Amino acid sequence: MKSYMGIVCHSMNQEITSLSGGNQQKAVMGKWLSVRPAVLILDQPTRGVDVGAKKEIYELIHELAEEGTAILLISDELEELINLSDRILVLKKGRVTKEYDNQERSTEKTRLLSSMVN
């Protein structure tokens, strides 16, 4: 795993709340990764971040998964789910209504969207 999160700040004393959205998100992830969790729950990990930070977060998620960390990714961004998930579960009213094996990253966006709204 990377020894740094690529956080851009003016000094080591800068408040996290004064960082950009992407840097704030990376700081939060770095905090939780410092305990080396076996399971990581990510709820909307790239919401409100710029394209560059999003790419870095995606790379980190891939790296963690390759190292054996189990990741539960919750997202309303279909491309994010398709590109990062081995398996996708669609939930409605607390129940699994559809399951997709996505190991080959072949789940179609239209099928996924359809199962979410129907």
PDB file of N, CA and C in Angstrom:
ATOM      1  N   MET A   1       0.835  -1.171   0.000  1.00  0.00           N
ATOM      2  CA  MET A   1       0.000   0.000   0.000  1.00  0.00           C
ATOM      3  C   MET A   1       0.886   1.242   0.000  1.00  0.00           C
ATOM      4  N   LYS A   2       0.398   2.305  -0.571  1.00  0.00           N
ATOM      5  CA  LYS A   2       1.149   3.540  -0.616  1.00  0.00           C
ATOM      6  C   LYS A   2       1.439   4.025   0.797  1.00  0.00           C
ATOM      7  N   SER A   3       2.586   4.642   0.971  1.00  0.00           N
ATOM      8  CA  SER A   3       2.935   5.152   2.289  1.00  0.00           C
ATOM      9  C   SER A   3       2.382   6.562   2.492  1.00  0.00           C
ATOM     10  N   TYR A   4       1.751   7.130   1.489  1.00  0.00           N
ATOM     11  CA  TYR A   4       1.136   8.440   1.608  1.00  0.00           C
ATOM     12  C   TYR A   4      -0.139   8.445   0.787  1.00  0.00           C
ATOM     13  N   MET A   5      -0.975   9.407   1.040  1.00  0.00           N
ATOM     14  CA  MET A   5      -2.258   9.480   0.345  1.00  0.00           C
ATOM     15  C   MET A   5      -2.248  10.532  -0.756  1.00  0.00           C
ATOM     16  N   GLY A   6      -1.147  11.216  -0.956  1.00  0.00           N
ATOM     17  CA  GLY A   6      -1.094  12.243  -1.989  1.00  0.00           C
ATOM     18  C   GLY A   6      -1.921  13.465  -1.633  1.00  0.00           C
ATOM     19  N   ILE A   7      -1.995  13.769  -0.356  1.00  0.00           N
ATOM     20  CA  ILE A   7      -2.788  14.912   0.106  1.00  0.00           C
ATOM     21  C   ILE A   7      -1.988  16.188  -0.106  1.00  0.00           C
ATOM     22  N   VAL A   8      -2.614  17.166  -0.728  1.00  0.00           N
ATOM     23  CA  VAL A   8      -1.973  18.444  -0.998  1.00  0.00           C
ATOM     24  C   VAL A   8      -2.419  19.442   0.070  1.00  0.00           C
ATOM     25  N   CYS A   9      -1.432  19.953   0.835  1.00  0.00           N
ATOM     26  CA  CYS A   9      -1.754  20.957   1.853  1.00  0.00           C
ATOM     27  C   CYS A   9      -0.593  21.950   1.956  1.00  0.00           C
ATOM     28  N   HIS A  10      -0.859  23.065   2.628  1.00  0.00           N
ATOM     29  CA  HIS A  10       0.158  24.112   2.761  1.00  0.00           C
ATOM     30  C   HIS A  10       1.174  23.800   3.854  1.00  0.00           C
ATOM     31  N   SER A  11       0.714  23.120   4.921  1.00  0.00           N
ATOM     32  CA  SER A  11       1.614  22.747   6.013  1.00  0.00           C
ATOM     33  C   SER A  11       1.029  21.562   6.764  1.00  0.00           C
ATOM     34  N   MET A  12       1.839  20.950   7.616  1.00  0.00           N
ATOM     35  CA  MET A  12       1.391  19.819   8.416  1.00  0.00           C
ATOM     36  C   MET A  12       0.352  20.254   9.458  1.00  0.00           C
ATOM     37  N   ASN A  13       0.272  21.538   9.740  1.00  0.00           N
ATOM     38  CA  ASN A  13      -0.654  22.050  10.754  1.00  0.00           C
ATOM     39  C   ASN A  13      -1.978  22.511  10.165  1.00  0.00           C
ATOM     40  N   GLN A  14      -2.153  22.386   8.855  1.00  0.00           N
ATOM     41  CA  GLN A  14      -3.376  22.845   8.212  1.00  0.00           C
ATOM     42  C   GLN A  14      -4.558  21.976   8.650  1.00  0.00           C
ATOM     43  N   GLU A  15      -5.672  22.614   8.977  1.00  0.00           N
ATOM     44  CA  GLU A  15      -6.884  21.907   9.392  1.00  0.00           C
ATOM     45  C   GLU A  15      -7.444  21.119   8.209  1.00  0.00           C
ATOM     46  N   ILE A  16      -7.916  19.918   8.472  1.00  0.00           N
ATOM     47  CA  ILE A  16      -8.494  19.083   7.413  1.00  0.00           C
ATOM     48  C   ILE A  16      -9.683  19.791   6.769  1.00  0.00           C
ATOM     49  N   THR A  17     -10.458  20.519   7.561  1.00  0.00           N
ATOM     50  CA  THR A  17     -11.653  21.189   7.029  1.00  0.00           C
ATOM     51  C   THR A  17     -11.319  22.278   6.014  1.00  0.00           C
ATOM     52  N   SER A  18     -10.059  22.721   5.989  1.00  0.00           N
ATOM     53  CA  SER A  18      -9.678  23.751   5.023  1.00  0.00           C
ATOM     54  C   SER A  18      -9.120  23.162   3.724  1.00  0.00           C
ATOM     55  N   LEU A  19      -9.030  21.832   3.647  1.00  0.00           N
ATOM     56  CA  LEU A  19      -8.545  21.175   2.433  1.00  0.00           C
ATOM     57  C   LEU A  19      -9.662  21.073   1.400  1.00  0.00           C
ATOM     58  N   SER A  20      -9.301  20.794   0.164  1.00  0.00           N
ATOM     59  CA  SER A  20     -10.300  20.558  -0.884  1.00  0.00           C
ATOM     60  C   SER A  20     -11.082  19.295  -0.546  1.00  0.00           C
ATOM     61  N   GLY A  21     -12.229  19.121  -1.186  1.00  0.00           N
ATOM     62  CA  GLY A  21     -13.063  17.940  -0.945  1.00  0.00           C
ATOM     63  C   GLY A  21     -12.320  16.643  -1.182  1.00  0.00           C
ATOM     64  N   GLY A  22     -11.539  16.588  -2.257  1.00  0.00           N
ATOM     65  CA  GLY A  22     -10.783  15.376  -2.563  1.00  0.00           C
ATOM     66  C   GLY A  22      -9.725  15.080  -1.524  1.00  0.00           C
ATOM     67  N   ASN A  23      -9.035  16.117  -1.063  1.00  0.00           N
ATOM     68  CA  ASN A  23      -8.013  15.927  -0.043  1.00  0.00           C
ATOM     69  C   ASN A  23      -8.635  15.568   1.299  1.00  0.00           C
ATOM     70  N   GLN A  24      -9.805  16.114   1.606  1.00  0.00           N
ATOM     71  CA  GLN A  24     -10.505  15.729   2.833  1.00  0.00           C
ATOM     72  C   GLN A  24     -10.871  14.242   2.783  1.00  0.00           C
ATOM     73  N   GLN A  25     -11.379  13.818   1.634  1.00  0.00           N
ATOM     74  CA  GLN A  25     -11.782  12.410   1.485  1.00  0.00           C
ATOM     75  C   GLN A  25     -10.571  11.485   1.634  1.00  0.00           C
ATOM     76  N   LYS A  26      -9.453  11.869   1.030  1.00  0.00           N
ATOM     77  CA  LYS A  26      -8.243  11.050   1.137  1.00  0.00           C
ATOM     78  C   LYS A  26      -7.728  11.026   2.578  1.00  0.00           C
ATOM     79  N   ALA A  27      -7.848  12.137   3.313  1.00  0.00           N
ATOM     80  CA  ALA A  27      -7.415  12.180   4.712  1.00  0.00           C
ATOM     81  C   ALA A  27      -8.260  11.236   5.560  1.00  0.00           C
ATOM     82  N   VAL A  28      -9.565  11.224   5.327  1.00  0.00           N
ATOM     83  CA  VAL A  28     -10.453  10.323   6.068  1.00  0.00           C
ATOM     84  C   VAL A  28     -10.101   8.875   5.758  1.00  0.00           C
ATOM     85  N   MET A  29      -9.888   8.562   4.486  1.00  0.00           N
ATOM     86  CA  MET A  29      -9.522   7.183   4.121  1.00  0.00           C
ATOM     87  C   MET A  29      -8.185   6.803   4.752  1.00  0.00           C
ATOM     88  N   GLY A  30      -7.236   7.712   4.733  1.00  0.00           N
ATOM     89  CA  GLY A  30      -5.932   7.441   5.332  1.00  0.00           C
ATOM     90  C   GLY A  30      -6.038   7.139   6.815  1.00  0.00           C
ATOM     91  N   LYS A  31      -6.905   7.867   7.487  1.00  0.00           N
ATOM     92  CA  LYS A  31      -7.111   7.640   8.925  1.00  0.00           C
ATOM     93  C   LYS A  31      -7.603   6.220   9.177  1.00  0.00           C
ATOM     94  N   TRP A  32      -8.592   5.792   8.402  1.00  0.00           N
ATOM     95  CA  TRP A  32      -9.140   4.448   8.609  1.00  0.00           C
ATOM     96  C   TRP A  32      -8.188   3.358   8.141  1.00  0.00           C
ATOM     97  N   LEU A  33      -7.413   3.635   7.116  1.00  0.00           N
ATOM     98  CA  LEU A  33      -6.473   2.626   6.625  1.00  0.00           C
ATOM     99  C   LEU A  33      -5.289   2.425   7.558  1.00  0.00           C
ATOM    100  N   SER A  34      -5.041   3.385   8.442  1.00  0.00           N
ATOM    101  CA  SER A  34      -3.916   3.262   9.367  1.00  0.00           C
ATOM    102  C   SER A  34      -4.102   2.096  10.334  1.00  0.00           C
ATOM    103  N   VAL A  35      -5.337   1.619  10.510  1.00  0.00           N
ATOM    104  CA  VAL A  35      -5.583   0.470  11.395  1.00  0.00           C
ATOM    105  C   VAL A  35      -5.578  -0.846  10.622  1.00  0.00           C
ATOM    106  N   ARG A  36      -5.324  -0.781   9.321  1.00  0.00           N
ATOM    107  CA  ARG A  36      -5.242  -1.968   8.448  1.00  0.00           C
ATOM    108  C   ARG A  36      -6.473  -2.866   8.599  1.00  0.00           C
ATOM    109  N   PRO A  37      -7.651  -2.365   8.240  1.00  0.00           N
ATOM    110  CA  PRO A  37      -8.876  -3.145   8.431  1.00  0.00           C
ATOM    111  C   PRO A  37      -8.947  -4.347   7.498  1.00  0.00           C
ATOM    112  N   ALA A  38      -9.598  -5.413   7.953  1.00  0.00           N
ATOM    113  CA  ALA A  38      -9.833  -6.587   7.108  1.00  0.00           C
ATOM    114  C   ALA A  38     -11.005  -6.313   6.181  1.00  0.00           C
ATOM    115  N   VAL A  39     -11.945  -5.496   6.655  1.00  0.00           N
ATOM    116  CA  VAL A  39     -13.123  -5.117   5.883  1.00  0.00           C
ATOM    117  C   VAL A  39     -13.223  -3.594   5.903  1.00  0.00           C
ATOM    118  N   LEU A  40     -13.469  -3.006   4.742  1.00  0.00           N
ATOM    119  CA  LEU A  40     -13.597  -1.556   4.630  1.00  0.00           C
ATOM    120  C   LEU A  40     -14.932  -1.240   3.977  1.00  0.00           C
ATOM    121  N   ILE A  41     -15.749  -0.451   4.654  1.00  0.00           N
ATOM    122  CA  ILE A  41     -17.047  -0.040   4.102  1.00  0.00           C
ATOM    123  C   ILE A  41     -16.889   1.381   3.576  1.00  0.00           C
ATOM    124  N   LEU A  42     -17.090   1.542   2.276  1.00  0.00           N
ATOM    125  CA  LEU A  42     -16.961   2.851   1.634  1.00  0.00           C
ATOM    126  C   LEU A  42     -18.329   3.289   1.118  1.00  0.00           C
ATOM    127  N   ASP A  43     -18.873   4.336   1.695  1.00  0.00           N
ATOM    128  CA  ASP A  43     -20.171   4.867   1.307  1.00  0.00           C
ATOM    129  C   ASP A  43     -19.953   6.162   0.539  1.00  0.00           C
ATOM    130  N   GLN A  44     -20.186   6.108  -0.771  1.00  0.00           N
ATOM    131  CA  GLN A  44     -19.999   7.261  -1.660  1.00  0.00           C
ATOM    132  C   GLN A  44     -18.577   7.830  -1.533  1.00  0.00           C
ATOM    133  N   PRO A  45     -17.542   7.016  -1.737  1.00  0.00           N
ATOM    134  CA  PRO A  45     -16.171   7.467  -1.486  1.00  0.00           C
ATOM    135  C   PRO A  45     -15.673   8.582  -2.392  1.00  0.00           C
ATOM    136  N   THR A  46     -16.343   8.802  -3.520  1.00  0.00           N
ATOM    137  CA  THR A  46     -15.854   9.846  -4.429  1.00  0.00           C
ATOM    138  C   THR A  46     -16.856  10.984  -4.631  1.00  0.00           C
ATOM    139  N   ARG A  47     -17.872  11.027  -3.814  1.00  0.00           N
ATOM    140  CA  ARG A  47     -18.865  12.098  -3.953  1.00  0.00           C
ATOM    141  C   ARG A  47     -18.205  13.453  -3.686  1.00  0.00           C
ATOM    142  N   GLY A  48     -18.373  14.363  -4.632  1.00  0.00           N
ATOM    143  CA  GLY A  48     -17.896  15.724  -4.460  1.00  0.00           C
ATOM    144  C   GLY A  48     -16.411  15.928  -4.666  1.00  0.00           C
ATOM    145  N   VAL A  49     -15.708  14.938  -5.217  1.00  0.00           N
ATOM    146  CA  VAL A  49     -14.276  15.114  -5.446  1.00  0.00           C
ATOM    147  C   VAL A  49     -13.999  15.306  -6.927  1.00  0.00           C
ATOM    148  N   ASP A  50     -12.873  15.941  -7.224  1.00  0.00           N
ATOM    149  CA  ASP A  50     -12.530  16.195  -8.620  1.00  0.00           C
ATOM    150  C   ASP A  50     -12.031  14.923  -9.292  1.00  0.00           C
ATOM    151  N   VAL A  51     -11.890  14.982 -10.595  1.00  0.00           N
ATOM    152  CA  VAL A  51     -11.520  13.810 -11.393  1.00  0.00           C
ATOM    153  C   VAL A  51     -10.176  13.226 -10.966  1.00  0.00           C
ATOM    154  N   GLY A  52      -9.208  14.070 -10.660  1.00  0.00           N
ATOM    155  CA  GLY A  52      -7.889  13.587 -10.250  1.00  0.00           C
ATOM    156  C   GLY A  52      -7.937  12.821  -8.934  1.00  0.00           C
ATOM    157  N   ALA A  53      -8.646  13.379  -7.951  1.00  0.00           N
ATOM    158  CA  ALA A  53      -8.782  12.711  -6.649  1.00  0.00           C
ATOM    159  C   ALA A  53      -9.571  11.418  -6.805  1.00  0.00           C
ATOM    160  N   LYS A  54     -10.575  11.433  -7.668  1.00  0.00           N
ATOM    161  CA  LYS A  54     -11.385  10.239  -7.913  1.00  0.00           C
ATOM    162  C   LYS A  54     -10.496   9.111  -8.438  1.00  0.00           C
ATOM    163  N   LYS A  55      -9.624   9.441  -9.381  1.00  0.00           N
ATOM    164  CA  LYS A  55      -8.716   8.446  -9.948  1.00  0.00           C
ATOM    165  C   LYS A  55      -7.805   7.868  -8.864  1.00  0.00           C
ATOM    166  N   GLU A  56      -7.272   8.726  -7.997  1.00  0.00           N
ATOM    167  CA  GLU A  56      -6.399   8.259  -6.920  1.00  0.00           C
ATOM    168  C   GLU A  56      -7.152   7.345  -5.956  1.00  0.00           C
ATOM    169  N   ILE A  57      -8.390   7.692  -5.642  1.00  0.00           N
ATOM    170  CA  ILE A  57      -9.204   6.873  -4.742  1.00  0.00           C
ATOM    171  C   ILE A  57      -9.498   5.523  -5.390  1.00  0.00           C
ATOM    172  N   TYR A  58      -9.814   5.525  -6.691  1.00  0.00           N
ATOM    173  CA  TYR A  58     -10.056   4.271  -7.402  1.00  0.00           C
ATOM    174  C   TYR A  58      -8.820   3.378  -7.364  1.00  0.00           C
ATOM    175  N   GLU A  59      -7.644   3.962  -7.595  1.00  0.00           N
ATOM    176  CA  GLU A  59      -6.397   3.196  -7.573  1.00  0.00           C
ATOM    177  C   GLU A  59      -6.167   2.599  -6.188  1.00  0.00           C
ATOM    178  N   LEU A  60      -6.459   3.364  -5.161  1.00  0.00           N
ATOM    179  CA  LEU A  60      -6.298   2.880  -3.791  1.00  0.00           C
ATOM    180  C   LEU A  60      -7.250   1.719  -3.509  1.00  0.00           C
ATOM    181  N   ILE A  61      -8.492   1.828  -3.965  1.00  0.00           N
ATOM    182  CA  ILE A  61      -9.468   0.757  -3.777  1.00  0.00           C
ATOM    183  C   ILE A  61      -8.991  -0.524  -4.465  1.00  0.00           C
ATOM    184  N   HIS A  62      -8.507  -0.393  -5.701  1.00  0.00           N
ATOM    185  CA  HIS A  62      -7.972  -1.561  -6.427  1.00  0.00           C
ATOM    186  C   HIS A  62      -6.801  -2.178  -5.665  1.00  0.00           C
ATOM    187  N   GLU A  63      -5.906  -1.342  -5.189  1.00  0.00           N
ATOM    188  CA  GLU A  63      -4.721  -1.817  -4.477  1.00  0.00           C
ATOM    189  C   GLU A  63      -5.121  -2.551  -3.191  1.00  0.00           C
ATOM    190  N   LEU A  64      -6.059  -1.995  -2.442  1.00  0.00           N
ATOM    191  CA  LEU A  64      -6.518  -2.631  -1.211  1.00  0.00           C
ATOM    192  C   LEU A  64      -7.154  -3.993  -1.495  1.00  0.00           C
ATOM    193  N   ALA A  65      -7.983  -4.045  -2.537  1.00  0.00           N
ATOM    194  CA  ALA A  65      -8.637  -5.304  -2.898  1.00  0.00           C
ATOM    195  C   ALA A  65      -7.600  -6.359  -3.291  1.00  0.00           C
ATOM    196  N   GLU A  66      -6.592  -5.964  -4.051  1.00  0.00           N
ATOM    197  CA  GLU A  66      -5.541  -6.897  -4.462  1.00  0.00           C
ATOM    198  C   GLU A  66      -4.759  -7.415  -3.260  1.00  0.00           C
ATOM    199  N   GLU A  67      -4.651  -6.602  -2.216  1.00  0.00           N
ATOM    200  CA  GLU A  67      -3.936  -7.005  -1.003  1.00  0.00           C
ATOM    201  C   GLU A  67      -4.806  -7.874  -0.095  1.00  0.00           C
ATOM    202  N   GLY A  68      -6.081  -8.052  -0.459  1.00  0.00           N
ATOM    203  CA  GLY A  68      -6.937  -8.926   0.317  1.00  0.00           C
ATOM    204  C   GLY A  68      -7.947  -8.244   1.218  1.00  0.00           C
ATOM    205  N   THR A  69      -8.004  -6.935   1.196  1.00  0.00           N
ATOM    206  CA  THR A  69      -8.998  -6.224   1.993  1.00  0.00           C
ATOM    207  C   THR A  69     -10.367  -6.425   1.357  1.00  0.00           C
ATOM    208  N   ALA A  70     -11.341  -6.842   2.153  1.00  0.00           N
ATOM    209  CA  ALA A  70     -12.720  -6.960   1.664  1.00  0.00           C
ATOM    210  C   ALA A  70     -13.327  -5.559   1.669  1.00  0.00           C
ATOM    211  N   ILE A  71     -13.923  -5.173   0.559  1.00  0.00           N
ATOM    212  CA  ILE A  71     -14.471  -3.820   0.441  1.00  0.00           C
ATOM    213  C   ILE A  71     -15.945  -3.889   0.102  1.00  0.00           C
ATOM    214  N   LEU A  72     -16.747  -3.220   0.927  1.00  0.00           N
ATOM    215  CA  LEU A  72     -18.165  -3.046   0.651  1.00  0.00           C
ATOM    216  C   LEU A  72     -18.318  -1.627   0.135  1.00  0.00           C
ATOM    217  N   LEU A  73     -18.630  -1.506  -1.146  1.00  0.00           N
ATOM    218  CA  LEU A  73     -18.736  -0.208  -1.799  1.00  0.00           C
ATOM    219  C   LEU A  73     -20.202   0.135  -1.992  1.00  0.00           C
ATOM    220  N   ILE A  74     -20.603   1.264  -1.448  1.00  0.00           N
ATOM    221  CA  ILE A  74     -21.969   1.760  -1.601  1.00  0.00           C
ATOM    222  C   ILE A  74     -21.883   3.013  -2.464  1.00  0.00           C
ATOM    223  N   SER A  75     -22.573   2.984  -3.598  1.00  0.00           N
ATOM    224  CA  SER A  75     -22.478   4.119  -4.508  1.00  0.00           C
ATOM    225  C   SER A  75     -23.712   4.196  -5.389  1.00  0.00           C
ATOM    226  N   ASP A  76     -24.061   5.419  -5.764  1.00  0.00           N
ATOM    227  CA  ASP A  76     -25.139   5.590  -6.732  1.00  0.00           C
ATOM    228  C   ASP A  76     -24.570   5.892  -8.121  1.00  0.00           C
ATOM    229  N   GLU A  77     -23.239   5.856  -8.239  1.00  0.00           N
ATOM    230  CA  GLU A  77     -22.587   6.045  -9.533  1.00  0.00           C
ATOM    231  C   GLU A  77     -22.382   4.676 -10.179  1.00  0.00           C
ATOM    232  N   LEU A  78     -23.152   4.402 -11.219  1.00  0.00           N
ATOM    233  CA  LEU A  78     -23.125   3.079 -11.839  1.00  0.00           C
ATOM    234  C   LEU A  78     -21.763   2.719 -12.404  1.00  0.00           C
ATOM    235  N   GLU A  79     -21.104   3.665 -13.048  1.00  0.00           N
ATOM    236  CA  GLU A  79     -19.780   3.397 -13.624  1.00  0.00           C
ATOM    237  C   GLU A  79     -18.801   3.006 -12.518  1.00  0.00           C
ATOM    238  N   GLU A  80     -18.903   3.664 -11.388  1.00  0.00           N
ATOM    239  CA  GLU A  80     -18.045   3.365 -10.248  1.00  0.00           C
ATOM    240  C   GLU A  80     -18.279   1.931  -9.771  1.00  0.00           C
ATOM    241  N   LEU A  81     -19.535   1.551  -9.640  1.00  0.00           N
ATOM    242  CA  LEU A  81     -19.865   0.193  -9.211  1.00  0.00           C
ATOM    243  C   LEU A  81     -19.347  -0.847 -10.198  1.00  0.00           C
ATOM    244  N   ILE A  82     -19.592  -0.609 -11.470  1.00  0.00           N
ATOM    245  CA  ILE A  82     -19.190  -1.569 -12.500  1.00  0.00           C
ATOM    246  C   ILE A  82     -17.668  -1.704 -12.573  1.00  0.00           C
ATOM    247  N   ASN A  83     -16.952  -0.586 -12.471  1.00  0.00           N
ATOM    248  CA  ASN A  83     -15.500  -0.620 -12.624  1.00  0.00           C
ATOM    249  C   ASN A  83     -14.745  -1.088 -11.388  1.00  0.00           C
ATOM    250  N   LEU A  84     -15.381  -1.048 -10.217  1.00  0.00           N
ATOM    251  CA  LEU A  84     -14.673  -1.391  -8.986  1.00  0.00           C
ATOM    252  C   LEU A  84     -15.150  -2.669  -8.311  1.00  0.00           C
ATOM    253  N   SER A  85     -16.283  -3.211  -8.736  1.00  0.00           N
ATOM    254  CA  SER A  85     -16.897  -4.315  -7.991  1.00  0.00           C
ATOM    255  C   SER A  85     -16.784  -5.658  -8.699  1.00  0.00           C
ATOM    256  N   ASP A  86     -16.480  -6.686  -7.907  1.00  0.00           N
ATOM    257  CA  ASP A  86     -16.502  -8.061  -8.412  1.00  0.00           C
ATOM    258  C   ASP A  86     -17.919  -8.611  -8.407  1.00  0.00           C
ATOM    259  N   ARG A  87     -18.712  -8.108  -7.468  1.00  0.00           N
ATOM    260  CA  ARG A  87     -20.096  -8.543  -7.355  1.00  0.00           C
ATOM    261  C   ARG A  87     -20.930  -7.327  -6.982  1.00  0.00           C
ATOM    262  N   ILE A  88     -22.100  -7.213  -7.604  1.00  0.00           N
ATOM    263  CA  ILE A  88     -22.988  -6.084  -7.346  1.00  0.00           C
ATOM    264  C   ILE A  88     -24.331  -6.620  -6.865  1.00  0.00           C
ATOM    265  N   LEU A  89     -24.766  -6.110  -5.731  1.00  0.00           N
ATOM    266  CA  LEU A  89     -26.074  -6.470  -5.199  1.00  0.00           C
ATOM    267  C   LEU A  89     -26.975  -5.243  -5.261  1.00  0.00           C
ATOM    268  N   VAL A  90     -28.193  -5.437  -5.755  1.00  0.00           N
ATOM    269  CA  VAL A  90     -29.184  -4.363  -5.782  1.00  0.00           C
ATOM    270  C   VAL A  90     -30.129  -4.611  -4.609  1.00  0.00           C
ATOM    271  N   LEU A  91     -30.285  -3.608  -3.769  1.00  0.00           N
ATOM    272  CA  LEU A  91     -31.151  -3.711  -2.599  1.00  0.00           C
ATOM    273  C   LEU A  91     -32.367  -2.813  -2.764  1.00  0.00           C
ATOM    274  N   LYS A  92     -33.518  -3.329  -2.350  1.00  0.00           N
ATOM    275  CA  LYS A  92     -34.745  -2.537  -2.301  1.00  0.00           C
ATOM    276  C   LYS A  92     -35.450  -2.875  -1.007  1.00  0.00           C
ATOM    277  N   LYS A  93     -35.782  -1.859  -0.258  1.00  0.00           N
ATOM    278  CA  LYS A  93     -36.479  -2.034   1.024  1.00  0.00           C
ATOM    279  C   LYS A  93     -35.774  -3.053   1.909  1.00  0.00           C
ATOM    280  N   GLY A  94     -34.443  -2.988   1.920  1.00  0.00           N
ATOM    281  CA  GLY A  94     -33.653  -3.845   2.789  1.00  0.00           C
ATOM    282  C   GLY A  94     -33.447  -5.269   2.314  1.00  0.00           C
ATOM    283  N   ARG A  95     -33.874  -5.584   1.102  1.00  0.00           N
ATOM    284  CA  ARG A  95     -33.721  -6.945   0.573  1.00  0.00           C
ATOM    285  C   ARG A  95     -32.942  -6.931  -0.745  1.00  0.00           C
ATOM    286  N   VAL A  96     -32.154  -7.995  -0.931  1.00  0.00           N
ATOM    287  CA  VAL A  96     -31.430  -8.141  -2.196  1.00  0.00           C
ATOM    288  C   VAL A  96     -32.433  -8.560  -3.257  1.00  0.00           C
ATOM    289  N   THR A  97     -32.548  -7.753  -4.312  1.00  0.00           N
ATOM    290  CA  THR A  97     -33.487  -8.070  -5.396  1.00  0.00           C
ATOM    291  C   THR A  97     -32.783  -8.562  -6.653  1.00  0.00           C
ATOM    292  N   LYS A  98     -31.479  -8.300  -6.755  1.00  0.00           N
ATOM    293  CA  LYS A  98     -30.722  -8.740  -7.928  1.00  0.00           C
ATOM    294  C   LYS A  98     -29.248  -8.834  -7.554  1.00  0.00           C
ATOM    295  N   GLU A  99     -28.585  -9.831  -8.124  1.00  0.00           N
ATOM    296  CA  GLU A  99     -27.150 -10.001  -7.906  1.00  0.00           C
ATOM    297  C   GLU A  99     -26.464 -10.166  -9.255  1.00  0.00           C
ATOM    298  N   TYR A 100     -25.363  -9.463  -9.436  1.00  0.00           N
ATOM    299  CA  TYR A 100     -24.575  -9.544 -10.663  1.00  0.00           C
ATOM    300  C   TYR A 100     -23.171 -10.018 -10.326  1.00  0.00           C
ATOM    301  N   ASP A 101     -22.707 -11.058 -11.025  1.00  0.00           N
ATOM    302  CA  ASP A 101     -21.306 -11.464 -10.947  1.00  0.00           C
ATOM    303  C   ASP A 101     -20.574 -10.548 -11.915  1.00  0.00           C
ATOM    304  N   ASN A 102     -19.703  -9.726 -11.390  1.00  0.00           N
ATOM    305  CA  ASN A 102     -19.050  -8.709 -12.208  1.00  0.00           C
ATOM    306  C   ASN A 102     -17.530  -8.885 -12.234  1.00  0.00           C
ATOM    307  N   GLN A 103     -17.062 -10.106 -12.069  1.00  0.00           N
ATOM    308  CA  GLN A 103     -15.612 -10.339 -12.042  1.00  0.00           C
ATOM    309  C   GLN A 103     -14.944  -9.927 -13.352  1.00  0.00           C
ATOM    310  N   GLU A 104     -15.666 -10.039 -14.452  1.00  0.00           N
ATOM    311  CA  GLU A 104     -15.115  -9.667 -15.756  1.00  0.00           C
ATOM    312  C   GLU A 104     -15.430  -8.216 -16.113  1.00  0.00           C
ATOM    313  N   ARG A 105     -16.037  -7.496 -15.184  1.00  0.00           N
ATOM    314  CA  ARG A 105     -16.423  -6.082 -15.394  1.00  0.00           C
ATOM    315  C   ARG A 105     -17.323  -5.948 -16.623  1.00  0.00           C
ATOM    316  N   SER A 106     -18.267  -6.902 -16.737  1.00  0.00           N
ATOM    317  CA  SER A 106     -19.103  -6.964 -17.937  1.00  0.00           C
ATOM    318  C   SER A 106     -20.568  -6.608 -17.681  1.00  0.00           C
ATOM    319  N   THR A 107     -20.898  -6.208 -16.461  1.00  0.00           N
ATOM    320  CA  THR A 107     -22.283  -5.841 -16.186  1.00  0.00           C
ATOM    321  C   THR A 107     -22.646  -4.620 -17.013  1.00  0.00           C
ATOM    322  N   GLU A 108     -23.786  -4.686 -17.667  1.00  0.00           N
ATOM    323  CA  GLU A 108     -24.223  -3.578 -18.515  1.00  0.00           C
ATOM    324  C   GLU A 108     -24.925  -2.531 -17.668  1.00  0.00           C
ATOM    325  N   LYS A 109     -24.577  -1.288 -17.924  1.00  0.00           N
ATOM    326  CA  LYS A 109     -25.140  -0.170 -17.171  1.00  0.00           C
ATOM    327  C   LYS A 109     -26.670  -0.140 -17.278  1.00  0.00           C
ATOM    328  N   THR A 110     -27.206  -0.404 -18.465  1.00  0.00           N
ATOM    329  CA  THR A 110     -28.657  -0.349 -18.647  1.00  0.00           C
ATOM    330  C   THR A 110     -29.364  -1.449 -17.857  1.00  0.00           C
ATOM    331  N   ARG A 111     -28.780  -2.659 -17.818  1.00  0.00           N
ATOM    332  CA  ARG A 111     -29.376  -3.759 -17.037  1.00  0.00           C
ATOM    333  C   ARG A 111     -29.353  -3.443 -15.553  1.00  0.00           C
ATOM    334  N   LEU A 112     -28.252  -2.897 -15.099  1.00  0.00           N
ATOM    335  CA  LEU A 112     -28.106  -2.535 -13.696  1.00  0.00           C
ATOM    336  C   LEU A 112     -29.114  -1.448 -13.314  1.00  0.00           C
ATOM    337  N   LEU A 113     -29.200  -0.442 -14.121  1.00  0.00           N
ATOM    338  CA  LEU A 113     -30.163   0.650 -13.870  1.00  0.00           C
ATOM    339  C   LEU A 113     -31.583   0.134 -13.876  1.00  0.00           C
ATOM    340  N   SER A 114     -31.904  -0.727 -14.830  1.00  0.00           N
ATOM    341  CA  SER A 114     -33.251  -1.293 -14.911  1.00  0.00           C
ATOM    342  C   SER A 114     -33.606  -2.067 -13.660  1.00  0.00           C
ATOM    343  N   SER A 115     -32.667  -2.852 -13.147  1.00  0.00           N
ATOM    344  CA  SER A 115     -32.963  -3.640 -11.940  1.00  0.00           C
ATOM    345  C   SER A 115     -33.061  -2.742 -10.702  1.00  0.00           C
ATOM    346  N   MET A 116     -32.501  -1.562 -10.770  1.00  0.00           N
ATOM    347  CA  MET A 116     -32.592  -0.646  -9.643  1.00  0.00           C
ATOM    348  C   MET A 116     -33.942   0.073  -9.587  1.00  0.00           C
ATOM    349  N   VAL A 117     -34.520   0.319 -10.736  1.00  0.00           N
ATOM    350  CA  VAL A 117     -35.779   1.096 -10.763  1.00  0.00           C
ATOM    351  C   VAL A 117     -37.023   0.255 -10.931  1.00  0.00           C
ATOM    352  N   ASN A 118     -36.900  -0.972 -11.397  1.00  0.00           N
ATOM    353  CA  ASN A 118     -38.074  -1.828 -11.588  1.00  0.00           C
ATOM    354  C   ASN A 118     -38.317  -2.716 -10.399  1.00  0.00           C
TER     355      ASN A 118
END
